[in-house]
Amino acid sequence: MADGSEVVDETLGEAWHEPFYELYVEFDGHSARRLYAAFAALWGHPTLRGPYAQHDAPFSEQQAVAPVSGIDPTGDVPVHLYGIAGLSTGESVPCGSVAHVRPGLDDDGLTLYLTAGALAQIGRDIEEPSIADEAWLASLDEWFAEIGRAVYAVAPFEVATMGREMLSLDSAEAIRQDSGGDLEWSLPAHLRIENSQLVFTPAG
């Protein structure tokens, strides 16, 4: 297990091995201005360092780029930005973000992700997690929720989910439609509006 001062080398190919464990935020409709505000709040969070344009060169040798550079207004080309996440559990690992821009079609979204490869290098398995890993991931969900609240403060959203890639995406829509009980899996941790308040619910 890496101690809190260790940073996984972001230039190693293994550090970017998928799948993702992520925060997925889903908005209501499309708004470029809202996405810009959301990305500024995301990368302005004190636990994140970046963003940078490349993951295959040391971040220390790159200039940080503007968060809005991670947004393709047309939605045609998903743009990934990269950085370092200082987790609440003490470790520091590479992270990435991508905007889901859907003009005229569907609801915008954004993802902040950690990769299975990066988490494996600090001794955590998200594909076949142990009981200890599941407890650790629960604390990671709370860290993601903290960032979600910072995003919501400037760019209100419908729902945000935390968890494994695709599970979080598929669950977000079910939560918005109040059809989570119809799913074949347990709901991941999530933020949603209840009685005009943003409420965090741990994974079920």
Protein backbone atom coordinates (compact mmCIF):
# COMPACT_ATOMS: atom_id res chain seq x y z
CA MET A 1 0.00 0.00 0.00
CA ALA A 2 1.34 3.40 -0.90
CA ASP A 3 1.61 5.95 1.87
CA GLY A 4 -0.04 9.33 1.68
CA SER A 5 3.00 11.05 0.20
CA GLU A 6 3.32 8.77 -2.80
CA VAL A 7 2.03 9.75 -6.20
CA VAL A 8 1.50 7.12 -8.87
CA ASP A 9 3.65 7.94 -11.91
CA GLU A 10 1.13 9.37 -14.38
CA THR A 11 3.42 8.58 -17.33
CA LEU A 12 3.19 4.82 -16.78
CA GLY A 13 0.83 3.08 -19.16
CA GLU A 14 -0.56 1.02 -16.29
CA ALA A 15 -1.75 4.20 -14.58
CA TRP A 16 -4.32 4.72 -17.33
CA HIS A 17 -5.61 1.14 -17.53
CA GLU A 18 -9.41 1.14 -17.61
CA PRO A 19 -12.13 0.72 -16.38
CA PHE A 20 -12.87 3.92 -14.52
CA TYR A 21 -14.18 4.59 -11.05
CA GLU A 22 -15.88 7.94 -11.42
CA LEU A 23 -18.07 10.82 -10.49
CA TYR A 24 -20.65 11.32 -13.23
CA VAL A 25 -22.74 14.50 -13.16
CA GLU A 26 -25.84 14.71 -15.34
CA PHE A 27 -27.47 18.05 -16.05
CA ASP A 28 -30.93 18.90 -17.32
CA GLY A 29 -30.62 19.86 -20.97
CA HIS A 30 -27.74 21.58 -22.73
CA SER A 31 -25.96 24.77 -21.68
CA ALA A 32 -22.41 25.61 -22.72
CA ARG A 33 -22.18 28.31 -20.06
CA ARG A 34 -23.18 25.86 -17.34
CA LEU A 35 -20.60 23.33 -18.51
CA TYR A 36 -17.87 25.97 -18.44
CA ALA A 37 -18.82 26.91 -14.89
CA ALA A 38 -18.96 23.26 -13.86
CA PHE A 39 -15.49 22.51 -15.22
CA ALA A 40 -14.03 25.60 -13.57
CA ALA A 41 -15.48 24.47 -10.23
CA LEU A 42 -14.32 20.90 -10.77
CA TRP A 43 -10.68 21.75 -11.48
CA GLY A 44 -10.75 24.56 -8.94
CA HIS A 45 -11.40 22.09 -6.14
CA PRO A 46 -8.53 22.17 -3.64
CA THR A 47 -7.99 18.40 -3.79
CA LEU A 48 -7.25 18.45 -7.54
CA ARG A 49 -4.09 19.64 -9.28
CA GLY A 50 -4.29 20.47 -12.97
CA PRO A 51 -5.67 20.21 -15.52
CA TYR A 52 -3.04 19.20 -18.05
CA ALA A 53 -3.48 18.32 -21.70
CA GLN A 54 -1.33 15.17 -21.82
CA HIS A 55 -1.11 12.05 -19.69
CA ASP A 56 1.98 10.62 -21.38
CA ALA A 57 4.34 13.38 -20.23
CA PRO A 58 5.13 14.32 -16.61
CA PHE A 59 2.72 16.92 -15.30
CA SER A 60 5.69 18.74 -13.75
CA GLU A 61 6.93 19.43 -17.30
CA GLN A 62 3.59 20.80 -18.52
CA GLN A 63 1.78 24.08 -18.08
CA ALA A 64 -1.71 23.76 -16.70
CA VAL A 65 -4.41 24.48 -19.26
CA ALA A 66 -7.73 26.26 -18.82
CA PRO A 67 -10.54 23.93 -17.71
CA VAL A 68 -12.70 25.14 -20.61
CA SER A 69 -10.19 23.57 -23.01
CA GLY A 70 -11.72 20.24 -21.98
CA ILE A 71 -15.01 21.11 -23.63
CA ASP A 72 -15.68 20.69 -27.34
CA PRO A 73 -18.75 22.91 -27.93
CA THR A 74 -19.99 20.66 -30.73
CA GLY A 75 -19.78 17.48 -28.68
CA ASP A 76 -18.15 15.74 -31.63
CA VAL A 77 -14.76 15.13 -30.01
CA PRO A 78 -14.61 14.13 -26.32
CA VAL A 79 -11.64 15.96 -24.79
CA HIS A 80 -9.87 14.44 -21.80
CA LEU A 81 -7.94 16.55 -19.31
CA TYR A 82 -5.63 15.12 -16.65
CA GLY A 83 -4.33 15.90 -13.21
CA ILE A 84 -3.55 14.62 -9.75
CA ALA A 85 -6.22 13.86 -7.16
CA GLY A 86 -5.37 14.13 -3.48
CA LEU A 87 -7.80 11.64 -1.96
CA SER A 88 -9.33 12.00 1.48
CA THR A 89 -7.71 8.67 2.37
CA GLY A 90 -4.25 10.20 1.97
CA GLU A 91 -3.13 8.81 -1.37
CA SER A 92 -2.48 10.87 -4.50
CA VAL A 93 -3.30 9.36 -7.89
CA PRO A 94 -3.71 10.51 -11.50
CA CYS A 95 -7.21 11.51 -12.53
CA GLY A 96 -8.97 12.65 -15.66
CA SER A 97 -12.08 14.47 -16.76
CA VAL A 98 -14.26 14.49 -19.83
CA ALA A 99 -17.28 16.56 -20.81
CA HIS A 100 -20.40 15.03 -22.34
CA VAL A 101 -21.67 17.79 -24.61
CA ARG A 102 -25.03 16.99 -26.19
CA PRO A 103 -26.40 20.08 -27.96
CA GLY A 104 -29.93 19.60 -29.19
CA LEU A 105 -30.00 15.91 -28.36
CA ASP A 106 -29.89 15.10 -24.68
CA ASP A 107 -28.59 16.22 -21.32
CA ASP A 108 -25.03 17.44 -20.80
CA GLY A 109 -22.79 15.73 -18.30
CA LEU A 110 -19.27 15.58 -16.97
CA THR A 111 -17.08 12.83 -15.58
CA LEU A 112 -14.16 12.95 -13.16
CA TYR A 113 -12.46 9.58 -13.15
CA LEU A 114 -9.77 7.49 -11.54
CA THR A 115 -8.56 4.46 -13.44
CA ALA A 116 -8.35 0.87 -12.28
CA GLY A 117 -4.66 0.95 -13.19
CA ALA A 118 -3.88 3.92 -10.96
CA LEU A 119 -5.86 2.50 -8.06
CA ALA A 120 -4.16 -0.88 -8.46
CA GLN A 121 -0.82 0.83 -7.95
CA ILE A 122 -1.94 1.93 -4.49
CA GLY A 123 -3.22 -1.55 -3.72
CA ARG A 124 -6.91 -1.14 -4.52
CA ASP A 125 -8.91 -3.45 -6.78
CA ILE A 126 -12.14 -2.04 -8.25
CA GLU A 127 -12.82 -4.98 -10.56
CA GLU A 128 -12.84 -7.70 -7.90
CA PRO A 129 -12.84 -5.68 -4.69
CA SER A 130 -12.21 -7.23 -1.29
CA ILE A 131 -14.26 -6.24 1.75
CA ALA A 132 -11.48 -3.80 2.64
CA ASP A 133 -11.56 -2.37 -0.88
CA GLU A 134 -15.32 -1.87 -0.69
CA ALA A 135 -14.95 0.05 2.56
CA TRP A 136 -12.22 2.17 0.98
CA LEU A 137 -14.39 2.84 -2.07
CA ALA A 138 -17.18 4.04 0.20
CA SER A 139 -14.84 6.75 1.48
CA LEU A 140 -13.90 7.53 -2.12
CA ASP A 141 -17.61 8.01 -2.91
CA GLU A 142 -17.79 10.61 -0.13
CA TRP A 143 -14.77 12.40 -1.60
CA PHE A 144 -16.46 12.44 -5.01
CA ALA A 145 -19.62 13.77 -3.37
CA GLU A 146 -17.65 16.67 -1.89
CA ILE A 147 -16.51 17.63 -5.37
CA GLY A 148 -20.05 17.15 -6.68
CA ARG A 149 -21.34 19.66 -4.14
CA ALA A 150 -18.74 22.20 -5.28
CA VAL A 151 -19.91 21.75 -8.87
CA TYR A 152 -23.56 22.02 -7.88
CA ALA A 153 -22.92 25.34 -6.11
CA VAL A 154 -22.17 27.00 -9.47
CA ALA A 155 -23.85 24.63 -11.94
CA PRO A 156 -26.93 22.91 -10.46
CA PHE A 157 -27.57 19.43 -11.79
CA GLU A 158 -30.25 16.75 -11.67
CA VAL A 159 -28.19 13.88 -10.32
CA ALA A 160 -24.59 12.79 -9.77
CA THR A 161 -23.49 9.20 -9.32
CA MET A 162 -20.28 7.70 -7.99
CA GLY A 163 -19.00 4.28 -8.91
CA ARG A 164 -17.82 2.00 -11.64
CA GLU A 165 -17.96 3.21 -15.23
CA MET A 166 -21.26 2.52 -17.04
CA LEU A 167 -22.92 1.48 -13.78
CA SER A 168 -22.86 5.14 -12.76
CA LEU A 169 -23.99 6.29 -16.21
CA ASP A 170 -26.89 3.84 -16.44
CA SER A 171 -27.96 4.46 -12.87
CA ALA A 172 -28.09 8.25 -13.25
CA GLU A 173 -31.02 8.10 -15.64
CA ALA A 174 -32.87 5.56 -13.49
CA ILE A 175 -32.46 7.79 -10.43
CA ARG A 176 -33.76 10.81 -12.35
CA GLN A 177 -36.82 8.82 -13.42
CA ASP A 178 -37.33 7.34 -9.94
CA SER A 179 -37.03 3.87 -11.44
CA GLY A 180 -34.02 2.69 -9.46
CA GLY A 181 -36.08 -0.14 -8.02
CA ASP A 182 -36.43 -1.63 -11.50
CA LEU A 183 -32.68 -2.09 -11.97
CA GLU A 184 -30.97 -5.47 -11.86
CA TRP A 185 -28.21 -4.03 -9.68
CA SER A 186 -27.99 -1.97 -6.50
CA LEU A 187 -27.82 1.76 -6.93
CA PRO A 188 -24.39 3.34 -6.60
CA ALA A 189 -23.70 6.22 -4.25
CA HIS A 190 -25.35 9.36 -5.57
CA LEU A 191 -26.37 12.96 -5.07
CA ARG A 192 -29.85 14.08 -5.98
CA ILE A 193 -32.36 16.78 -5.08
CA GLU A 194 -34.80 15.87 -2.32
CA ASN A 195 -37.11 18.55 -0.91
CA SER A 196 -35.02 21.25 -2.57
CA GLN A 197 -31.84 19.96 -0.91
CA LEU A 198 -28.87 18.16 -2.43
CA VAL A 199 -28.73 14.84 -0.59
CA PHE A 200 -25.98 12.21 -0.61
CA THR A 201 -27.03 8.56 -0.50
CA PRO A 202 -24.35 5.86 -0.04
CA ALA A 203 -24.22 2.85 -2.33
CA GLY A 204 -27.12 0.49 -1.68
